[in-house]
């Protein structure tokens, strides 16, 4: 079973992936929020690892960024 720090580390790594992909596509947090139908402040919280995001919102971000869900988890291990 994972401890709290490992859970937080996964959130941080996931958020870093979102931010890296978003920046590579030259999309602002606000624009990503509009495309994904999520609030811009929520995007920032995800990127900082402050939110434990739902599968539904992972799907929205994947679609908005034009990449596979699997790609959002690149580099994240157990």
C-alpha atoms as a PDB file:
ATOM      1  CA  UNK A   1       0.000   0.000   0.000  1.00  0.00           C
ATOM      2  CA  UNK A   2       1.238   3.453  -0.860  1.00  0.00           C
ATOM      3  CA  UNK A   3       1.801   6.084   1.769  1.00  0.00           C
ATOM      4  CA  UNK A   4       0.612   9.677   1.534  1.00  0.00           C
ATOM      5  CA  UNK A   5       3.927  10.938   0.124  1.00  0.00           C
ATOM      6  CA  UNK A   6       3.863   8.425  -2.736  1.00  0.00           C
ATOM      7  CA  UNK A   7       0.301   9.472  -3.608  1.00  0.00           C
ATOM      8  CA  UNK A   8       1.332  13.111  -3.633  1.00  0.00           C
ATOM      9  CA  UNK A   9       4.380  12.285  -5.753  1.00  0.00           C
ATOM     10  CA  UNK A  10       2.123  10.700  -8.390  1.00  0.00           C
ATOM     11  CA  UNK A  11      -0.054  13.818  -8.439  1.00  0.00           C
ATOM     12  CA  UNK A  12       3.016  16.024  -8.833  1.00  0.00           C
ATOM     13  CA  UNK A  13       4.461  13.882 -11.641  1.00  0.00           C
ATOM     14  CA  UNK A  14       1.122  13.788 -13.433  1.00  0.00           C
ATOM     15  CA  UNK A  15       0.830  17.562 -13.111  1.00  0.00           C
ATOM     16  CA  UNK A  16       4.335  18.050 -14.463  1.00  0.00           C
ATOM     17  CA  UNK A  17       3.395  15.935 -17.491  1.00  0.00           C
ATOM     18  CA  UNK A  18       0.291  18.035 -18.120  1.00  0.00           C
ATOM     19  CA  UNK A  19       2.298  21.247 -17.869  1.00  0.00           C
ATOM     20  CA  UNK A  20       5.121  19.959 -20.100  1.00  0.00           C
ATOM     21  CA  UNK A  21       2.691  18.841 -22.804  1.00  0.00           C
ATOM     22  CA  UNK A  22       0.630  22.037 -22.544  1.00  0.00           C
ATOM     23  CA  UNK A  23       3.705  24.231 -22.907  1.00  0.00           C
ATOM     24  CA  UNK A  24       5.038  22.165 -25.809  1.00  0.00           C
ATOM     25  CA  UNK A  25       1.777  22.918 -27.608  1.00  0.00           C
ATOM     26  CA  UNK A  26       2.003  26.607 -26.624  1.00  0.00           C
ATOM     27  CA  UNK A  27      -1.378  26.531 -24.890  1.00  0.00           C
ATOM     28  CA  UNK A  28      -2.127  28.701 -21.853  1.00  0.00           C
ATOM     29  CA  UNK A  29      -3.802  27.276 -18.764  1.00  0.00           C
ATOM     30  CA  UNK A  30      -6.815  29.409 -19.588  1.00  0.00           C
ATOM     31  CA  UNK A  31      -7.053  28.084 -23.157  1.00  0.00           C
ATOM     32  CA  UNK A  32      -6.610  24.470 -22.008  1.00  0.00           C
ATOM     33  CA  UNK A  33      -9.364  25.023 -19.485  1.00  0.00           C
ATOM     34  CA  UNK A  34     -11.666  26.344 -22.201  1.00  0.00           C
ATOM     35  CA  UNK A  35     -10.951  23.435 -24.543  1.00  0.00           C
ATOM     36  CA  UNK A  36     -11.302  20.808 -21.781  1.00  0.00           C
ATOM     37  CA  UNK A  37     -14.283  22.547 -20.154  1.00  0.00           C
ATOM     38  CA  UNK A  38     -12.378  22.869 -16.869  1.00  0.00           C
ATOM     39  CA  UNK A  39     -11.658  26.044 -14.885  1.00  0.00           C
ATOM     40  CA  UNK A  40      -8.230  27.601 -15.437  1.00  0.00           C
ATOM     41  CA  UNK A  41      -7.489  27.576 -11.702  1.00  0.00           C
ATOM     42  CA  UNK A  42      -8.231  23.837 -11.636  1.00  0.00           C
ATOM     43  CA  UNK A  43      -5.665  23.345 -14.425  1.00  0.00           C
ATOM     44  CA  UNK A  44      -3.076  25.158 -12.292  1.00  0.00           C
ATOM     45  CA  UNK A  45      -3.919  23.040  -9.263  1.00  0.00           C
ATOM     46  CA  UNK A  46      -3.501  19.865 -11.342  1.00  0.00           C
ATOM     47  CA  UNK A  47      -0.154  21.059 -12.692  1.00  0.00           C
ATOM     48  CA  UNK A  48       1.081  21.781  -9.154  1.00  0.00           C
ATOM     49  CA  UNK A  49      -0.013  18.321  -7.970  1.00  0.00           C
ATOM     50  CA  UNK A  50      -2.611  19.768  -5.608  1.00  0.00           C
ATOM     51  CA  UNK A  51      -5.560  17.804  -7.036  1.00  0.00           C
ATOM     52  CA  UNK A  52      -6.218  14.077  -7.255  1.00  0.00           C
ATOM     53  CA  UNK A  53      -7.858  14.281 -10.664  1.00  0.00           C
ATOM     54  CA  UNK A  54     -10.758  12.028 -11.740  1.00  0.00           C
ATOM     55  CA  UNK A  55     -10.718   9.708 -14.740  1.00  0.00           C
ATOM     56  CA  UNK A  56     -13.369  11.838 -16.414  1.00  0.00           C
ATOM     57  CA  UNK A  57     -11.151  14.923 -16.209  1.00  0.00           C
ATOM     58  CA  UNK A  58      -8.098  12.946 -17.344  1.00  0.00           C
ATOM     59  CA  UNK A  59     -10.108  12.051 -20.439  1.00  0.00           C
ATOM     60  CA  UNK A  60     -11.065  15.689 -20.983  1.00  0.00           C
ATOM     61  CA  UNK A  61      -7.425  16.801 -20.741  1.00  0.00           C
ATOM     62  CA  UNK A  62      -6.256  14.015 -23.040  1.00  0.00           C
ATOM     63  CA  UNK A  63      -8.785  15.017 -25.675  1.00  0.00           C
ATOM     64  CA  UNK A  64      -8.065  18.737 -25.270  1.00  0.00           C
ATOM     65  CA  UNK A  65      -4.320  18.166 -25.666  1.00  0.00           C
ATOM     66  CA  UNK A  66      -4.812  15.788 -28.597  1.00  0.00           C
ATOM     67  CA  UNK A  67      -2.869  12.930 -27.027  1.00  0.00           C
ATOM     68  CA  UNK A  68      -3.621   9.497 -25.582  1.00  0.00           C
ATOM     69  CA  UNK A  69      -4.481   9.063 -21.935  1.00  0.00           C
ATOM     70  CA  UNK A  70      -1.478   6.762 -21.689  1.00  0.00           C
ATOM     71  CA  UNK A  71       0.815   9.623 -22.747  1.00  0.00           C
ATOM     72  CA  UNK A  72      -0.296  11.660 -19.732  1.00  0.00           C
ATOM     73  CA  UNK A  73       1.253   9.000 -17.479  1.00  0.00           C
ATOM     74  CA  UNK A  74       4.611   8.866 -19.255  1.00  0.00           C
ATOM     75  CA  UNK A  75       7.446   8.407 -16.776  1.00  0.00           C
ATOM     76  CA  UNK A  76       5.177   7.628 -13.825  1.00  0.00           C
ATOM     77  CA  UNK A  77       5.989   4.265 -12.243  1.00  0.00           C
ATOM     78  CA  UNK A  78       4.553   2.416  -9.254  1.00  0.00           C
END
